[in-house]
PDB file of all heavy atoms in Angstrom:
ATOM      1  N   VAL A   1       8.631  23.774  13.184  1.00  0.00           N
ATOM      2  CA  VAL A   1       7.568  24.746  13.423  1.00  0.00           C
ATOM      3  C   VAL A   1       6.874  25.027  12.103  1.00  0.00           C
ATOM      4  O   VAL A   1       7.531  25.284  11.090  1.00  0.00           O
ATOM      5  CB  VAL A   1       8.129  26.067  14.013  1.00  0.00           C
ATOM      6  CG1 VAL A   1       7.012  27.095  14.176  1.00  0.00           C
ATOM      7  CG2 VAL A   1       8.803  25.795  15.343  1.00  0.00           C
ATOM      8  N   GLY A   2       5.542  24.952  12.115  1.00  0.00           N
ATOM      9  CA  GLY A   2       4.793  25.208  10.894  1.00  0.00           C
ATOM     10  C   GLY A   2       3.330  24.896  11.074  1.00  0.00           C
ATOM     11  O   GLY A   2       2.829  24.738  12.194  1.00  0.00           O
ATOM     12  N   SER A   3       2.646  24.799   9.953  1.00  0.00           N
ATOM     13  CA  SER A   3       1.222  24.479   9.962  1.00  0.00           C
ATOM     14  C   SER A   3       1.054  22.968   9.944  1.00  0.00           C
ATOM     15  O   SER A   3       1.459  22.313   8.985  1.00  0.00           O
ATOM     16  CB  SER A   3       0.540  25.101   8.747  1.00  0.00           C
ATOM     17  OG  SER A   3      -0.766  24.593   8.590  1.00  0.00           O
ATOM     18  N   PRO A   4       0.455  22.375  10.975  1.00  0.00           N
ATOM     19  CA  PRO A   4       0.275  20.911  10.980  1.00  0.00           C
ATOM     20  C   PRO A   4      -0.537  20.415   9.784  1.00  0.00           C
ATOM     21  O   PRO A   4      -0.219  19.378   9.200  1.00  0.00           O
ATOM     22  CB  PRO A   4      -0.452  20.658  12.305  1.00  0.00           C
ATOM     23  CG  PRO A   4      -0.131  21.834  13.161  1.00  0.00           C
ATOM     24  CD  PRO A   4      -0.007  22.989  12.231  1.00  0.00           C
ATOM     25  N   ALA A   5      -1.570  21.180   9.391  1.00  0.00           N
ATOM     26  CA  ALA A   5      -2.404  20.743   8.279  1.00  0.00           C
ATOM     27  C   ALA A   5      -1.623  20.737   6.969  1.00  0.00           C
ATOM     28  O   ALA A   5      -1.684  19.772   6.189  1.00  0.00           O
ATOM     29  CB  ALA A   5      -3.629  21.652   8.163  1.00  0.00           C
ATOM     30  N   LEU A   6      -0.848  21.801   6.728  1.00  0.00           N
ATOM     31  CA  LEU A   6      -0.094  21.867   5.482  1.00  0.00           C
ATOM     32  C   LEU A   6       1.049  20.856   5.464  1.00  0.00           C
ATOM     33  O   LEU A   6       1.322  20.229   4.430  1.00  0.00           O
ATOM     34  CB  LEU A   6       0.455  23.283   5.279  1.00  0.00           C
ATOM     35  CG  LEU A   6      -0.571  24.367   4.945  1.00  0.00           C
ATOM     36  CD1 LEU A   6       0.114  25.717   4.769  1.00  0.00           C
ATOM     37  CD2 LEU A   6      -1.365  24.008   3.702  1.00  0.00           C
ATOM     38  N   LEU A   7       1.726  20.677   6.590  1.00  0.00           N
ATOM     39  CA  LEU A   7       2.810  19.702   6.635  1.00  0.00           C
ATOM     40  C   LEU A   7       2.278  18.279   6.492  1.00  0.00           C
ATOM     41  O   LEU A   7       2.940  17.425   5.882  1.00  0.00           O
ATOM     42  CB  LEU A   7       3.598  19.858   7.941  1.00  0.00           C
ATOM     43  CG  LEU A   7       4.403  21.156   8.063  1.00  0.00           C
ATOM     44  CD1 LEU A   7       5.093  21.235   9.415  1.00  0.00           C
ATOM     45  CD2 LEU A   7       5.446  21.266   6.943  1.00  0.00           C
ATOM     46  N   LEU A   8       1.090  18.009   7.031  1.00  0.00           N
ATOM     47  CA  LEU A   8       0.472  16.697   6.818  1.00  0.00           C
ATOM     48  C   LEU A   8       0.106  16.520   5.349  1.00  0.00           C
ATOM     49  O   LEU A   8       0.284  15.440   4.784  1.00  0.00           O
ATOM     50  CB  LEU A   8      -0.761  16.549   7.697  1.00  0.00           C
ATOM     51  CG  LEU A   8      -1.549  15.238   7.535  1.00  0.00           C
ATOM     52  CD1 LEU A   8      -0.668  14.031   7.852  1.00  0.00           C
ATOM     53  CD2 LEU A   8      -2.794  15.251   8.415  1.00  0.00           C
ATOM     54  N   GLN A   9      -0.398  17.588   4.728  1.00  0.00           N
ATOM     55  CA  GLN A   9      -0.706  17.532   3.294  1.00  0.00           C
ATOM     56  C   GLN A   9       0.556  17.246   2.498  1.00  0.00           C
ATOM     57  O   GLN A   9       0.557  16.439   1.557  1.00  0.00           O
ATOM     58  CB  GLN A   9      -1.313  18.862   2.855  1.00  0.00           C
ATOM     59  CG  GLN A   9      -1.647  18.950   1.373  1.00  0.00           C
ATOM     60  CD  GLN A   9      -2.933  18.235   1.027  1.00  0.00           C
ATOM     61  OE1 GLN A   9      -3.928  18.382   1.713  1.00  0.00           O
ATOM     62  NE2 GLN A   9      -2.908  17.441  -0.026  1.00  0.00           N
ATOM     63  N   MET A  10       1.664  17.893   2.859  1.00  0.00           N
ATOM     64  CA  MET A  10       2.932  17.673   2.173  1.00  0.00           C
ATOM     65  C   MET A  10       3.379  16.218   2.308  1.00  0.00           C
ATOM     66  O   MET A  10       3.740  15.561   1.309  1.00  0.00           O
ATOM     67  CB  MET A  10       3.999  18.607   2.756  1.00  0.00           C
ATOM     68  CG  MET A  10       5.401  18.394   2.213  1.00  0.00           C
ATOM     69  SD  MET A  10       6.665  19.160   3.254  1.00  0.00           S
ATOM     70  CE  MET A  10       6.646  18.041   4.664  1.00  0.00           C
ATOM     71  N   THR A  11       3.360  15.695   3.531  1.00  0.00           N
ATOM     72  CA  THR A  11       3.804  14.323   3.774  1.00  0.00           C
ATOM     73  C   THR A  11       2.900  13.318   3.057  1.00  0.00           C
ATOM     74  O   THR A  11       3.381  12.359   2.442  1.00  0.00           O
ATOM     75  CB  THR A  11       3.808  14.038   5.285  1.00  0.00           C
ATOM     76  OG1 THR A  11       4.579  15.049   5.951  1.00  0.00           O
ATOM     77  CG2 THR A  11       4.422  12.683   5.575  1.00  0.00           C
ATOM     78  N   THR A  12       1.602  13.537   3.117  1.00  0.00           N
ATOM     79  CA  THR A  12       0.663  12.636   2.450  1.00  0.00           C
ATOM     80  C   THR A  12       0.878  12.642   0.943  1.00  0.00           C
ATOM     81  O   THR A  12       0.843  11.587   0.292  1.00  0.00           O
ATOM     82  CB  THR A  12      -0.784  13.036   2.788  1.00  0.00           C
ATOM     83  OG1 THR A  12      -0.955  13.033   4.209  1.00  0.00           O
ATOM     84  CG2 THR A  12      -1.773  12.082   2.160  1.00  0.00           C
ATOM     85  N   ASN A  13       1.089  13.818   0.370  1.00  0.00           N
ATOM     86  CA  ASN A  13       1.322  13.898  -1.069  1.00  0.00           C
ATOM     87  C   ASN A  13       2.581  13.136  -1.475  1.00  0.00           C
ATOM     88  O   ASN A  13       2.608  12.455  -2.505  1.00  0.00           O
ATOM     89  CB  ASN A  13       1.427  15.357  -1.499  1.00  0.00           C
ATOM     90  CG  ASN A  13       0.093  16.056  -1.543  1.00  0.00           C
ATOM     91  OD1 ASN A  13      -0.926  15.468  -1.193  1.00  0.00           O
ATOM     92  ND2 ASN A  13       0.092  17.303  -1.967  1.00  0.00           N
ATOM     93  N   LEU A  14       3.633  13.266  -0.674  1.00  0.00           N
ATOM     94  CA  LEU A  14       4.883  12.577  -0.998  1.00  0.00           C
ATOM     95  C   LEU A  14       4.715  11.062  -0.939  1.00  0.00           C
ATOM     96  O   LEU A  14       5.160  10.340  -1.844  1.00  0.00           O
ATOM     97  CB  LEU A  14       5.993  13.029  -0.045  1.00  0.00           C
ATOM     98  CG  LEU A  14       6.508  14.459  -0.228  1.00  0.00           C
ATOM     99  CD1 LEU A  14       7.529  14.804   0.847  1.00  0.00           C
ATOM    100  CD2 LEU A  14       7.141  14.631  -1.605  1.00  0.00           C
ATOM    101  N   VAL A  15       4.079  10.575   0.122  1.00  0.00           N
ATOM    102  CA  VAL A  15       3.891   9.127   0.248  1.00  0.00           C
ATOM    103  C   VAL A  15       2.928   8.618  -0.822  1.00  0.00           C
ATOM    104  O   VAL A  15       3.150   7.559  -1.419  1.00  0.00           O
ATOM    105  CB  VAL A  15       3.390   8.781   1.665  1.00  0.00           C
ATOM    106  CG1 VAL A  15       3.148   7.288   1.794  1.00  0.00           C
ATOM    107  CG2 VAL A  15       4.398   9.238   2.720  1.00  0.00           C
ATOM    108  N   HIS A  16       1.867   9.365  -1.082  1.00  0.00           N
ATOM    109  CA  HIS A  16       0.907   8.965  -2.120  1.00  0.00           C
ATOM    110  C   HIS A  16       1.575   8.912  -3.481  1.00  0.00           C
ATOM    111  O   HIS A  16       1.369   7.967  -4.267  1.00  0.00           O
ATOM    112  CB  HIS A  16      -0.263   9.951  -2.131  1.00  0.00           C
ATOM    113  CG  HIS A  16      -1.323   9.618  -3.147  1.00  0.00           C
ATOM    114  ND1 HIS A  16      -1.245  10.032  -4.457  1.00  0.00           N
ATOM    115  CD2 HIS A  16      -2.479   8.895  -3.045  1.00  0.00           C
ATOM    116  CE1 HIS A  16      -2.302   9.588  -5.125  1.00  0.00           C
ATOM    117  NE2 HIS A  16      -3.066   8.894  -4.285  1.00  0.00           N
ATOM    118  N   ASN A  17       2.382   9.908  -3.776  1.00  0.00           N
ATOM    119  CA  ASN A  17       3.091   9.925  -5.057  1.00  0.00           C
ATOM    120  C   ASN A  17       4.043   8.735  -5.168  1.00  0.00           C
ATOM    121  O   ASN A  17       4.172   8.124  -6.237  1.00  0.00           O
ATOM    122  CB  ASN A  17       3.866  11.240  -5.186  1.00  0.00           C
ATOM    123  CG  ASN A  17       4.539  11.390  -6.524  1.00  0.00           C
ATOM    124  OD1 ASN A  17       3.926  11.729  -7.520  1.00  0.00           O
ATOM    125  ND2 ASN A  17       5.855  11.143  -6.557  1.00  0.00           N
ATOM    126  N   ALA A  18       4.704   8.398  -4.061  1.00  0.00           N
ATOM    127  CA  ALA A  18       5.635   7.270  -4.081  1.00  0.00           C
ATOM    128  C   ALA A  18       4.908   5.941  -4.262  1.00  0.00           C
ATOM    129  O   ALA A  18       5.447   5.000  -4.860  1.00  0.00           O
ATOM    130  CB  ALA A  18       6.449   7.252  -2.783  1.00  0.00           C
ATOM    131  N   ILE A  19       3.678   5.836  -3.747  1.00  0.00           N
ATOM    132  CA  ILE A  19       2.909   4.596  -3.905  1.00  0.00           C
ATOM    133  C   ILE A  19       2.386   4.452  -5.322  1.00  0.00           C
ATOM    134  O   ILE A  19       2.492   3.389  -5.952  1.00  0.00           O
ATOM    135  CB  ILE A  19       1.742   4.566  -2.893  1.00  0.00           C
ATOM    136  CG1 ILE A  19       2.272   4.492  -1.461  1.00  0.00           C
ATOM    137  CG2 ILE A  19       0.812   3.392  -3.167  1.00  0.00           C
ATOM    138  CD1 ILE A  19       1.197   4.624  -0.403  1.00  0.00           C
ATOM    139  N   VAL A  20       1.796   5.531  -5.845  1.00  0.00           N
ATOM    140  CA  VAL A  20       1.153   5.456  -7.158  1.00  0.00           C
ATOM    141  C   VAL A  20       2.172   5.261  -8.271  1.00  0.00           C
ATOM    142  O   VAL A  20       1.982   4.431  -9.170  1.00  0.00           O
ATOM    143  CB  VAL A  20       0.308   6.731  -7.389  1.00  0.00           C
ATOM    144  CG1 VAL A  20      -0.220   6.768  -8.820  1.00  0.00           C
ATOM    145  CG2 VAL A  20      -0.840   6.794  -6.395  1.00  0.00           C
ATOM    146  N   HIS A  21       3.272   6.007  -8.223  1.00  0.00           N
ATOM    147  CA  HIS A  21       4.289   5.919  -9.269  1.00  0.00           C
ATOM    148  C   HIS A  21       5.356   4.917  -8.818  1.00  0.00           C
ATOM    149  O   HIS A  21       6.484   5.300  -8.477  1.00  0.00           O
ATOM    150  CB  HIS A  21       4.886   7.289  -9.547  1.00  0.00           C
ATOM    151  CG  HIS A  21       3.866   8.290  -9.996  1.00  0.00           C
ATOM    152  ND1 HIS A  21       3.366   8.338 -11.281  1.00  0.00           N
ATOM    153  CD2 HIS A  21       3.219   9.267  -9.309  1.00  0.00           C
ATOM    154  CE1 HIS A  21       2.486   9.316 -11.386  1.00  0.00           C
ATOM    155  NE2 HIS A  21       2.381   9.893 -10.199  1.00  0.00           N
ATOM    156  N   ASN A  22       4.992   3.658  -8.826  1.00  0.00           N
ATOM    157  CA  ASN A  22       5.878   2.607  -8.346  1.00  0.00           C
ATOM    158  C   ASN A  22       5.834   1.442  -9.314  1.00  0.00           C
ATOM    159  O   ASN A  22       5.211   1.518 -10.380  1.00  0.00           O
ATOM    160  CB  ASN A  22       5.446   2.170  -6.933  1.00  0.00           C
ATOM    161  CG  ASN A  22       6.608   1.771  -6.056  1.00  0.00           C
ATOM    162  OD1 ASN A  22       7.429   0.950  -6.461  1.00  0.00           O
ATOM    163  ND2 ASN A  22       6.680   2.351  -4.870  1.00  0.00           N
ATOM    164  N   LEU A  23       6.488   0.362  -8.947  1.00  0.00           N
ATOM    165  CA  LEU A  23       6.464  -0.837  -9.778  1.00  0.00           C
ATOM    166  C   LEU A  23       5.074  -1.461  -9.779  1.00  0.00           C
ATOM    167  O   LEU A  23       4.337  -1.347  -8.795  1.00  0.00           O
ATOM    168  CB  LEU A  23       7.486  -1.846  -9.255  1.00  0.00           C
ATOM    169  CG  LEU A  23       8.967  -1.427  -9.338  1.00  0.00           C
ATOM    170  CD1 LEU A  23       9.847  -2.483  -8.670  1.00  0.00           C
ATOM    171  CD2 LEU A  23       9.396  -1.198 -10.780  1.00  0.00           C
ATOM    172  N   PRO A  24       4.702  -2.135 -10.870  1.00  0.00           N
ATOM    173  CA  PRO A  24       3.382  -2.787 -10.900  1.00  0.00           C
ATOM    174  C   PRO A  24       3.220  -3.847  -9.813  1.00  0.00           C
ATOM    175  O   PRO A  24       2.121  -4.058  -9.315  1.00  0.00           O
ATOM    176  CB  PRO A  24       3.326  -3.409 -12.300  1.00  0.00           C
ATOM    177  CG  PRO A  24       4.327  -2.650 -13.104  1.00  0.00           C
ATOM    178  CD  PRO A  24       5.404  -2.257 -12.154  1.00  0.00           C
ATOM    179  N   GLU A  25       4.306  -4.481  -9.433  1.00  0.00           N
ATOM    180  CA  GLU A  25       4.262  -5.522  -8.411  1.00  0.00           C
ATOM    181  C   GLU A  25       5.484  -5.392  -7.509  1.00  0.00           C
ATOM    182  O   GLU A  25       6.572  -5.038  -7.952  1.00  0.00           O
ATOM    183  CB  GLU A  25       4.244  -6.924  -9.030  1.00  0.00           C
ATOM    184  CG  GLU A  25       3.006  -7.208  -9.878  1.00  0.00           C
ATOM    185  CD  GLU A  25       3.049  -8.597 -10.483  1.00  0.00           C
ATOM    186  OE1 GLU A  25       4.086  -9.274 -10.307  1.00  0.00           O
ATOM    187  OE2 GLU A  25       2.059  -8.997 -11.117  1.00  0.00           O
ATOM    188  N   GLN A  26       5.282  -5.709  -6.227  1.00  0.00           N
ATOM    189  CA  GLN A  26       6.364  -5.747  -5.242  1.00  0.00           C
ATOM    190  C   GLN A  26       7.136  -4.417  -5.174  1.00  0.00           C
ATOM    191  O   GLN A  26       8.358  -4.391  -5.093  1.00  0.00           O
ATOM    192  CB  GLN A  26       7.329  -6.902  -5.538  1.00  0.00           C
ATOM    193  CG  GLN A  26       6.669  -8.266  -5.460  1.00  0.00           C
ATOM    194  CD  GLN A  26       7.653  -9.403  -5.685  1.00  0.00           C
ATOM    195  OE1 GLN A  26       8.808  -9.174  -6.037  1.00  0.00           O
ATOM    196  NE2 GLN A  26       7.190 -10.624  -5.471  1.00  0.00           N
TER     197      GLN A  26
END
């Protein structure tokens, strides 16, 4: 139970952070 917009923002930030701060390849 919560705010769909804020929880989507939270999930997007986590996945985005995991993509950007990753290995240069593979």
